[in-house]
Amino acid sequence: SQQTSVDPAPCNLTMALRSRCTASSAKLGLGRFLSPASSARTFSAESGGVSFVLNDDQKMIQDMARQFAADVIIPQAAEYDRTMAFPHDIFQQAWELGLVNAHIPEDYGGPGMHTLDGCVIAEELAYGCSGIQTAMEANTLAQMPVILAGNDFQKKKYLGRMTEEPLKCAYGVSEAGAGSDVAAIQTRAEKQGDKWVINGSKLWITNGGVADWYFVLAVTDKTASAGKAMTGFIVDASSEGVSAGDKLVNMGQRCSDTRPLFFDNVVVPEENVLGEVGAGFKIAMGAFDNTRPPVAAGAVGVARRAMDEALKYSKERKTMGAEIIQHQAVSFMLADMAMGIEAARLLTYKSAVEIDEGRPNTLYASMAKAFAGDHANKCAADAVQIFGGAGFNTEYPVEKLMRDAKIFQVCVVWCSLAPSPFSLSISLYF
């Protein structure tokens, strides 16, 4: 059932991986180089090379998030998917443990974690339910523009309150005609005296109906180029003229509160302008660079859950007198899942480390998001296939995983709908 836990990968999967690798390597004449030790990671921090090991603090965070997912999220995930209610109680428990608002700097009451730390948390929470994880991660997306461009007053007021009580916030950028194409937004902000007046609407806003405040991107100079035409604002949800539309019923991640937002002559004080006037597009893109890695990590969590559920079921289900994991077609599917999960996680970690070290990560973050999202969908679809008819039924969790996974190919997209920035990054890199 959807409440059952999953077992670690047994030796059958290791054998399937080795069989898969041997079959491929034989074609290249590399079989003689394969040995049990060939998969060992030979680079480590101690040797002065690359380390693939989390530090003690990150392991502790990982263990905490993993336990929380097992004890709190998984037992309730199916019910929240059915009711589509926002998981306020789970959010509060996660907030009390410090699993929400992880990136808020210590000066403003937060733990001041890095992007890599956030990826570790995101994978574990998404393993439990990516809809619930998205409800939590939406805070980070909305907070990031304030972290990157806010002044001390803004950070104290809007980040500080997030650490005092379990509040939510939302990132108001997407519109009906401006999802991937952020430069096409139509929401306007006009300066009137010492205040700004915002008119327009936003769509697909995660946490839209439960947020205490929003980051809103609006056009302030329609004659300027896209890079200078927009400005970022902090808008209190209680402001007169702000309203949220009906909750959107999505294919997956149904407990995530996704709604349209409407701004009707909303007055915003000058003190709520983020950074300089005209710097909004740059701020929004900087936020994406910091938050795409955790989105990719969420996709890794979904892929890992799909693999574990399929692996467990393949050891229980028998056909023709044998567990179906013994059938090569099934074992190869599981092996492909495991290989892709490892690759997606490493690419995600690289994209996180790059930004944590102060280097541009747009290319790697885009790669990680696209690759991890695609692989999560493949793992979920293959898990349904391994479950057979049972996978098509809500009694088992894989049909939910398949619905939940699709958003990773759609949200914060750099793939099919937005090839130009990705292609540009590649051309500049190579």
Protein backbone atom coordinates (compact mmCIF):
# COMPACT_ATOMS: atom_id res chain seq x y z
CA SER A 1 0.00 0.00 0.00
CA GLN A 2 1.00 3.65 -0.09
CA GLN A 3 1.94 3.53 3.58
CA THR A 4 4.48 0.72 3.33
CA SER A 5 8.16 1.37 3.69
CA VAL A 6 10.71 0.24 1.18
CA ASP A 7 13.78 -1.89 1.60
CA PRO A 8 17.34 -0.98 0.59
CA ALA A 9 18.53 -2.26 -2.78
CA PRO A 10 19.51 -5.94 -2.48
CA CYS A 11 22.36 -7.70 -4.21
CA ASN A 12 19.99 -8.54 -7.09
CA LEU A 13 20.15 -4.93 -8.22
CA THR A 14 23.92 -4.86 -7.94
CA MET A 15 24.05 -7.99 -10.09
CA ALA A 16 21.69 -6.41 -12.60
CA LEU A 17 23.86 -3.31 -12.78
CA ARG A 18 27.00 -5.36 -13.31
CA SER A 19 25.24 -7.45 -15.93
CA ARG A 20 24.04 -4.28 -17.66
CA CYS A 21 27.49 -2.74 -17.54
CA THR A 22 29.19 -5.92 -18.71
CA ALA A 23 26.83 -6.26 -21.67
CA SER A 24 27.54 -2.69 -22.74
CA SER A 25 31.28 -2.85 -22.13
CA ALA A 26 31.66 -6.08 -24.06
CA LYS A 27 30.61 -4.23 -27.19
CA LEU A 28 33.51 -1.82 -26.62
CA GLY A 29 36.04 -4.47 -25.65
CA LEU A 30 36.19 -3.18 -22.08
CA GLY A 31 34.91 -6.27 -20.27
CA ARG A 32 38.38 -7.35 -19.16
CA PHE A 33 38.76 -4.13 -17.17
CA LEU A 34 35.67 -4.69 -15.05
CA SER A 35 36.21 -5.89 -11.50
CA PRO A 36 34.34 -5.61 -8.21
CA ALA A 37 36.62 -2.71 -7.27
CA SER A 38 36.12 -0.81 -10.50
CA SER A 39 33.18 1.17 -9.13
CA ALA A 40 35.09 2.44 -6.09
CA ARG A 41 35.36 6.20 -5.80
CA THR A 42 39.08 6.80 -5.74
CA PHE A 43 39.01 10.56 -5.30
CA SER A 44 38.54 11.91 -1.81
CA ALA A 45 39.15 15.06 0.17
CA GLU A 46 42.01 13.31 1.96
CA SER A 47 43.81 12.66 -1.33
CA GLY A 48 43.35 16.26 -2.41
CA GLY A 49 40.90 15.31 -5.12
CA VAL A 50 37.13 15.40 -5.45
CA SER A 51 35.05 14.26 -2.49
CA PHE A 52 31.72 12.52 -2.99
CA VAL A 53 31.05 12.27 0.74
CA LEU A 54 28.69 14.53 2.69
CA ASN A 55 30.19 16.10 5.78
CA ASP A 56 28.95 15.21 9.25
CA ASP A 57 26.50 18.11 9.44
CA GLN A 58 25.01 17.24 6.06
CA LYS A 59 24.68 13.59 7.08
CA MET A 60 22.84 14.66 10.21
CA ILE A 61 20.51 16.87 8.16
CA GLN A 62 19.96 14.02 5.71
CA ASP A 63 19.12 11.57 8.49
CA MET A 64 16.69 14.04 10.07
CA ALA A 65 14.91 14.75 6.78
CA ARG A 66 14.82 11.05 5.87
CA GLN A 67 13.31 10.11 9.23
CA PHE A 68 10.78 12.93 8.96
CA ALA A 69 9.73 11.72 5.51
CA ALA A 70 9.34 8.16 6.78
CA ASP A 71 7.53 8.98 10.01
CA VAL A 72 5.42 11.99 9.05
CA ILE A 73 5.13 12.51 5.30
CA ILE A 74 4.73 9.02 3.81
CA PRO A 75 1.91 7.91 6.12
CA GLN A 76 -0.15 11.00 5.17
CA ALA A 77 0.86 11.58 1.54
CA ALA A 78 -1.98 9.61 -0.07
CA GLU A 79 -4.64 11.39 1.99
CA TYR A 80 -3.28 14.82 1.14
CA ASP A 81 -3.19 13.82 -2.51
CA ARG A 82 -6.85 12.77 -2.28
CA THR A 83 -8.12 15.82 -0.40
CA MET A 84 -5.75 18.31 -2.07
CA ALA A 85 -5.62 20.19 1.24
CA PHE A 86 -2.53 22.21 2.10
CA PRO A 87 -0.38 20.25 4.61
CA HIS A 88 -0.34 22.91 7.33
CA ASP A 89 0.37 20.45 10.15
CA ILE A 90 3.29 18.80 8.33
CA PHE A 91 4.64 22.21 7.34
CA GLN A 92 4.62 23.33 10.97
CA GLN A 93 6.41 20.19 12.14
CA ALA A 94 9.05 20.62 9.46
CA TRP A 95 9.42 24.29 10.40
CA GLU A 96 9.97 23.35 14.04
CA LEU A 97 12.75 20.96 12.99
CA GLY A 98 14.43 23.57 10.81
CA LEU A 99 13.67 21.79 7.53
CA VAL A 100 11.93 24.90 6.17
CA ASN A 101 13.62 28.28 5.49
CA ALA A 102 17.02 26.61 5.55
CA HIS A 103 18.69 29.33 3.46
CA ILE A 104 17.79 32.29 5.67
CA PRO A 105 21.08 33.77 6.96
CA GLU A 106 21.97 33.42 10.61
CA ASP A 107 21.86 37.21 11.05
CA TYR A 108 18.11 37.05 10.45
CA GLY A 109 17.34 34.04 12.61
CA GLY A 110 17.85 31.23 10.07
CA PRO A 111 20.36 28.38 9.90
CA GLY A 112 22.19 29.92 6.93
CA MET A 113 22.50 26.68 5.00
CA HIS A 114 24.01 26.50 1.53
CA THR A 115 22.40 25.31 -1.67
CA LEU A 116 23.96 21.85 -1.36
CA ASP A 117 22.45 21.48 2.12
CA GLY A 118 19.07 22.41 0.67
CA CYS A 119 19.46 19.75 -2.00
CA VAL A 120 20.09 17.10 0.65
CA ILE A 121 16.87 18.10 2.41
CA ALA A 122 14.84 18.40 -0.79
CA GLU A 123 15.67 14.89 -1.99
CA GLU A 124 14.62 13.28 1.27
CA LEU A 125 11.37 15.24 1.62
CA ALA A 126 10.43 14.65 -2.02
CA TYR A 127 11.04 10.94 -1.48
CA GLY A 128 8.14 11.12 0.97
CA CYS A 129 5.92 13.33 -1.21
CA SER A 130 7.10 15.90 -3.73
CA GLY A 131 3.85 17.85 -3.35
CA ILE A 132 4.50 18.39 0.34
CA GLN A 133 8.16 19.10 -0.38
CA THR A 134 7.16 21.71 -2.98
CA ALA A 135 4.93 23.44 -0.44
CA MET A 136 7.99 23.82 1.75
CA GLU A 137 10.51 24.62 -0.99
CA ALA A 138 8.29 27.43 -2.32
CA ASN A 139 9.39 29.47 0.69
CA THR A 140 13.01 29.28 -0.45
CA LEU A 141 12.14 30.40 -3.98
CA ALA A 142 10.26 33.46 -2.70
CA GLN A 143 12.90 34.29 -0.11
CA MET A 144 15.87 34.02 -2.45
CA PRO A 145 15.36 37.42 -4.16
CA VAL A 146 15.30 39.01 -0.71
CA ILE A 147 18.41 37.08 0.35
CA LEU A 148 20.23 38.13 -2.81
CA ALA A 149 19.09 41.73 -3.23
CA GLY A 150 17.30 42.85 -0.09
CA ASN A 151 18.70 45.49 2.25
CA ASP A 152 19.06 44.97 5.99
CA PHE A 153 15.63 46.46 6.73
CA GLN A 154 13.89 44.20 4.22
CA LYS A 155 15.69 41.10 5.42
CA LYS A 156 14.89 41.76 9.05
CA LYS A 157 11.24 42.44 8.29
CA TYR A 158 10.47 39.70 5.77
CA LEU A 159 13.03 36.97 6.48
CA GLY A 160 13.04 37.49 10.22
CA ARG A 161 9.31 36.90 10.56
CA MET A 162 9.66 33.55 8.75
CA THR A 163 11.83 32.25 11.59
CA GLU A 164 9.45 33.47 14.30
CA GLU A 165 6.39 31.53 13.14
CA PRO A 166 5.62 29.01 10.37
CA LEU A 167 4.64 31.52 7.69
CA LYS A 168 4.58 30.90 3.95
CA CYS A 169 5.61 33.15 1.09
CA ALA A 170 5.34 32.89 -2.69
CA TYR A 171 7.26 33.78 -5.85
CA GLY A 172 5.01 35.81 -8.14
CA VAL A 173 6.60 35.81 -11.59
CA SER A 174 4.78 33.42 -13.97
CA GLU A 175 1.82 34.69 -15.98
CA ALA A 176 -0.57 33.19 -18.51
CA GLY A 177 1.71 34.27 -21.35
CA ALA A 178 4.97 34.35 -19.46
CA GLY A 179 5.99 31.07 -17.90
CA SER A 180 9.33 30.12 -19.42
CA ASP A 181 9.55 33.48 -21.18
CA VAL A 182 9.90 35.70 -18.12
CA ALA A 183 10.68 38.70 -20.34
CA ALA A 184 7.08 38.59 -21.63
CA ILE A 185 5.39 39.48 -18.34
CA GLN A 186 2.60 42.05 -18.52
CA THR A 187 2.11 43.06 -14.88
CA ARG A 188 2.89 46.76 -14.52
CA ALA A 189 4.14 48.95 -11.67
CA GLU A 190 3.91 52.73 -11.93
CA LYS A 191 5.60 55.24 -9.66
CA GLN A 192 3.12 57.64 -8.04
CA GLY A 193 4.81 60.01 -5.64
CA ASP A 194 6.79 58.02 -3.11
CA LYS A 195 4.83 54.81 -3.77
CA TRP A 196 4.36 52.26 -6.54
CA VAL A 197 1.02 51.01 -7.87
CA ILE A 198 0.89 47.47 -9.27
CA ASN A 199 -1.73 46.19 -11.71
CA GLY A 200 -1.82 42.78 -13.38
CA SER A 201 -2.09 39.10 -12.64
CA LYS A 202 0.09 36.07 -12.04
CA LEU A 203 -0.63 32.40 -12.68
CA TRP A 204 0.53 29.02 -11.31
CA ILE A 205 1.80 30.61 -8.10
CA THR A 206 2.83 27.97 -5.58
CA ASN A 207 1.66 28.86 -2.04
CA GLY A 208 -0.44 31.60 -3.67
CA GLY A 209 -3.39 31.17 -1.33
CA VAL A 210 -1.46 30.63 1.91
CA ALA A 211 1.39 33.13 1.60
CA ASP A 212 2.06 35.97 4.03
CA TRP A 213 3.93 37.95 1.36
CA TYR A 214 4.96 37.70 -2.29
CA PHE A 215 7.96 38.49 -4.41
CA VAL A 216 6.41 40.16 -7.46
CA LEU A 217 8.15 40.95 -10.72
CA ALA A 218 6.58 43.83 -12.65
CA VAL A 219 7.43 45.98 -15.66
CA THR A 220 8.46 49.50 -14.63
CA ASP A 221 9.84 50.69 -17.97
CA LYS A 222 8.19 49.17 -21.03
CA THR A 223 10.58 50.99 -23.37
CA ALA A 224 13.70 49.39 -21.87
CA SER A 225 15.28 46.09 -22.81
CA ALA A 226 14.10 42.99 -20.95
CA GLY A 227 17.11 43.07 -18.67
CA LYS A 228 16.26 46.58 -17.44
CA ALA A 229 12.48 46.78 -17.89
CA MET A 230 11.42 45.01 -14.70
CA THR A 231 11.65 45.62 -10.99
CA GLY A 232 11.19 43.27 -8.05
CA PHE A 233 8.81 44.16 -5.22
CA ILE A 234 7.91 42.66 -1.85
CA VAL A 235 4.12 42.73 -1.58
CA ASP A 236 2.25 41.88 1.61
CA ALA A 237 -0.60 39.47 0.94
CA SER A 238 -2.82 41.60 3.16
CA SER A 239 -2.38 44.67 0.92
CA GLU A 240 -5.59 46.18 -0.42
CA GLY A 241 -6.20 45.07 -3.99
CA VAL A 242 -4.38 41.73 -3.69
CA SER A 243 -6.53 38.64 -4.20
CA ALA A 244 -5.95 34.98 -4.91
CA GLY A 245 -8.11 32.99 -7.32
CA ASP A 246 -9.42 29.48 -6.90
CA LYS A 247 -6.97 26.68 -6.21
CA LEU A 248 -5.91 24.99 -9.45
CA VAL A 249 -6.55 21.24 -9.59
CA ASN A 250 -3.31 19.88 -10.93
CA MET A 251 -2.36 16.50 -12.37
CA GLY A 252 0.05 15.82 -9.51
CA GLN A 253 1.49 17.40 -6.36
CA ARG A 254 -2.13 18.11 -5.51
CA CYS A 255 -1.63 19.30 -1.95
CA SER A 256 0.57 22.12 -3.19
CA ASP A 257 -1.47 25.33 -3.19
CA THR A 258 -1.25 26.68 -6.75
CA ARG A 259 -3.40 29.67 -7.69
CA PRO A 260 -3.65 32.79 -9.82
CA LEU A 261 -2.96 36.13 -8.13
CA PHE A 262 -4.59 39.43 -9.00
CA PHE A 263 -3.23 42.92 -8.33
CA ASP A 264 -5.75 45.76 -8.64
CA ASN A 265 -4.16 49.14 -7.92
CA VAL A 266 -2.02 47.62 -5.19
CA VAL A 267 0.00 50.33 -3.44
CA VAL A 268 3.54 49.31 -2.47
CA PRO A 269 5.86 51.61 -0.51
CA GLU A 270 9.25 52.57 -1.93
CA GLU A 271 10.92 50.66 0.89
CA ASN A 272 9.61 47.42 -0.63
CA VAL A 273 11.50 47.80 -3.91
CA LEU A 274 14.13 45.06 -4.08
CA GLY A 275 17.50 46.28 -5.26
CA GLU A 276 17.54 48.97 -7.89
CA VAL A 277 14.65 49.91 -10.15
CA GLY A 278 15.10 47.95 -13.36
CA ALA A 279 17.14 45.15 -11.76
CA GLY A 280 14.20 42.78 -11.28
CA PHE A 281 14.96 40.43 -14.16
CA LYS A 282 18.53 39.95 -12.98
CA ILE A 283 17.34 39.29 -9.41
CA ALA A 284 14.75 36.75 -10.60
CA MET A 285 17.33 34.89 -12.68
CA GLY A 286 19.75 34.87 -9.76
CA ALA A 287 17.03 33.32 -7.62
CA PHE A 288 16.57 30.57 -10.22
CA ASP A 289 20.29 29.77 -10.19
CA ASN A 290 20.07 29.17 -6.44
CA THR A 291 16.78 27.27 -6.44
CA ARG A 292 16.99 25.06 -9.54
CA PRO A 293 19.38 22.62 -7.82
CA PRO A 294 16.84 21.84 -5.05
CA VAL A 295 14.16 21.36 -7.72
CA ALA A 296 16.45 18.84 -9.41
CA ALA A 297 17.07 17.21 -6.03
CA GLY A 298 13.32 16.85 -5.58
CA ALA A 299 13.18 15.00 -8.89
CA VAL A 300 15.96 12.71 -7.66
CA GLY A 301 13.89 11.97 -4.57
CA VAL A 302 10.86 11.00 -6.68
CA ALA A 303 13.03 8.81 -8.92
CA ARG A 304 14.57 7.10 -5.91
CA ARG A 305 11.18 6.44 -4.35
CA ALA A 306 9.90 4.98 -7.63
CA MET A 307 12.89 2.70 -7.87
CA ASP A 308 12.59 1.54 -4.26
CA GLU A 309 8.88 0.81 -4.60
CA ALA A 310 9.44 -1.08 -7.84
CA LEU A 311 12.35 -2.98 -6.34
CA LYS A 312 10.34 -4.05 -3.31
CA TYR A 313 7.39 -5.13 -5.44
CA SER A 314 9.62 -7.03 -7.86
CA LYS A 315 10.83 -9.18 -4.96
CA GLU A 316 7.26 -9.97 -3.88
CA ARG A 317 5.51 -10.55 -7.22
CA LYS A 318 6.10 -13.92 -8.86
CA THR A 319 5.46 -15.05 -12.40
CA MET A 320 6.38 -18.38 -13.96
CA GLY A 321 7.65 -19.61 -10.62
CA ALA A 322 10.16 -16.81 -10.02
CA GLU A 323 10.28 -13.36 -8.49
CA ILE A 324 9.95 -10.89 -11.35
CA ILE A 325 13.25 -9.27 -10.40
CA GLN A 326 14.84 -12.46 -11.71
CA HIS A 327 13.51 -11.68 -15.17
CA GLN A 328 16.18 -9.81 -17.06
CA ALA A 329 13.76 -7.30 -18.59
CA VAL A 330 12.71 -6.17 -15.12
CA SER A 331 16.19 -6.20 -13.60
CA PHE A 332 17.53 -4.11 -16.47
CA MET A 333 14.79 -1.51 -15.89
CA LEU A 334 15.78 -1.32 -12.23
CA ALA A 335 19.44 -1.07 -13.15
CA ASP A 336 18.74 1.82 -15.51
CA MET A 337 16.82 3.55 -12.72
CA ALA A 338 19.75 3.22 -10.32
CA MET A 339 22.33 4.46 -12.82
CA GLY A 340 20.29 7.52 -13.74
CA ILE A 341 19.53 8.38 -10.12
CA GLU A 342 23.23 8.37 -9.26
CA ALA A 343 24.07 10.49 -12.31
CA ALA A 344 21.25 12.95 -11.62
CA ARG A 345 22.27 13.36 -8.00
CA LEU A 346 25.91 14.01 -8.87
CA LEU A 347 24.95 16.57 -11.51
CA THR A 348 22.60 18.22 -9.03
CA TYR A 349 25.30 18.35 -6.37
CA LYS A 350 27.75 19.85 -8.86
CA SER A 351 25.29 22.59 -9.78
CA ALA A 352 24.81 23.34 -6.08
CA VAL A 353 28.52 23.39 -5.25
CA GLU A 354 29.22 25.75 -8.13
CA ILE A 355 26.84 28.41 -6.79
CA ASP A 356 27.94 27.79 -3.20
CA GLU A 357 31.53 28.45 -4.26
CA GLY A 358 30.51 31.70 -5.92
CA ARG A 359 30.84 30.49 -9.50
CA PRO A 360 28.16 30.78 -12.22
CA ASN A 361 26.04 27.64 -12.25
CA THR A 362 23.34 28.46 -14.82
CA LEU A 363 24.54 25.78 -17.23
CA TYR A 364 24.88 23.03 -14.62
CA ALA A 365 21.67 23.96 -12.84
CA SER A 366 19.82 23.80 -16.16
CA MET A 367 21.41 20.45 -16.99
CA ALA A 368 20.58 19.05 -13.57
CA LYS A 369 16.98 20.23 -13.68
CA ALA A 370 16.40 18.86 -17.19
CA PHE A 371 18.18 15.53 -16.64
CA ALA A 372 16.77 14.81 -13.18
CA GLY A 373 13.26 15.76 -14.30
CA ASP A 374 13.39 13.48 -17.33
CA HIS A 375 14.79 10.61 -15.30
CA ALA A 376 12.17 11.00 -12.57
CA ASN A 377 9.49 10.61 -15.23
CA LYS A 378 11.22 7.56 -16.69
CA CYS A 379 11.59 5.93 -13.27
CA ALA A 380 7.97 6.59 -12.35
CA ALA A 381 6.69 5.26 -15.70
CA ASP A 382 8.89 2.17 -15.46
CA ALA A 383 7.78 1.58 -11.88
CA VAL A 384 4.15 1.58 -13.04
CA GLN A 385 5.15 -0.87 -15.76
CA ILE A 386 6.84 -3.18 -13.25
CA PHE A 387 3.75 -3.09 -11.03
CA GLY A 388 1.61 -3.95 -14.05
CA GLY A 389 -2.12 -3.63 -13.41
CA ALA A 390 -1.46 -2.85 -9.75
CA GLY A 391 0.54 0.19 -10.81
CA PHE A 392 -2.54 1.68 -12.47
CA ASN A 393 -4.43 1.54 -9.19
CA THR A 394 -4.43 4.10 -6.38
CA GLU A 395 -3.90 1.32 -3.84
CA TYR A 396 -0.20 1.51 -4.66
CA PRO A 397 1.96 4.67 -4.63
CA VAL A 398 3.52 4.50 -8.08
CA GLU A 399 0.58 6.02 -9.97
CA LYS A 400 0.87 9.08 -7.72
CA LEU A 401 4.61 9.21 -8.34
CA MET A 402 3.96 9.18 -12.07
CA ARG A 403 1.53 12.10 -11.77
CA ASP A 404 3.82 14.00 -9.41
CA ALA A 405 6.90 13.53 -11.59
CA LYS A 406 5.51 15.33 -14.64
CA ILE A 407 5.83 18.79 -13.13
CA PHE A 408 9.61 18.43 -13.06
CA GLN A 409 9.59 18.55 -16.85
CA VAL A 410 7.41 21.66 -16.80
CA CYS A 411 8.29 23.94 -13.86
CA VAL A 412 11.33 26.24 -13.86
CA VAL A 413 11.86 24.88 -17.36
CA TRP A 414 14.96 25.16 -19.49
CA CYS A 415 14.29 22.23 -21.78
CA SER A 416 11.77 21.92 -24.62
CA LEU A 417 10.05 25.29 -24.15
CA ALA A 418 13.15 27.38 -23.54
CA PRO A 419 16.10 26.05 -25.54
CA SER A 420 17.77 29.36 -26.33
CA PRO A 421 19.27 30.28 -22.88
CA PHE A 422 20.37 26.67 -22.39
CA SER A 423 21.92 26.56 -25.87
CA LEU A 424 23.60 29.91 -25.25
CA SER A 425 25.10 28.66 -22.00
CA ILE A 426 26.43 25.57 -23.76
CA SER A 427 27.91 27.60 -26.62
CA LEU A 428 29.63 29.96 -24.17
CA TYR A 429 30.93 27.06 -22.09
CA PHE A 430 32.28 24.95 -24.91
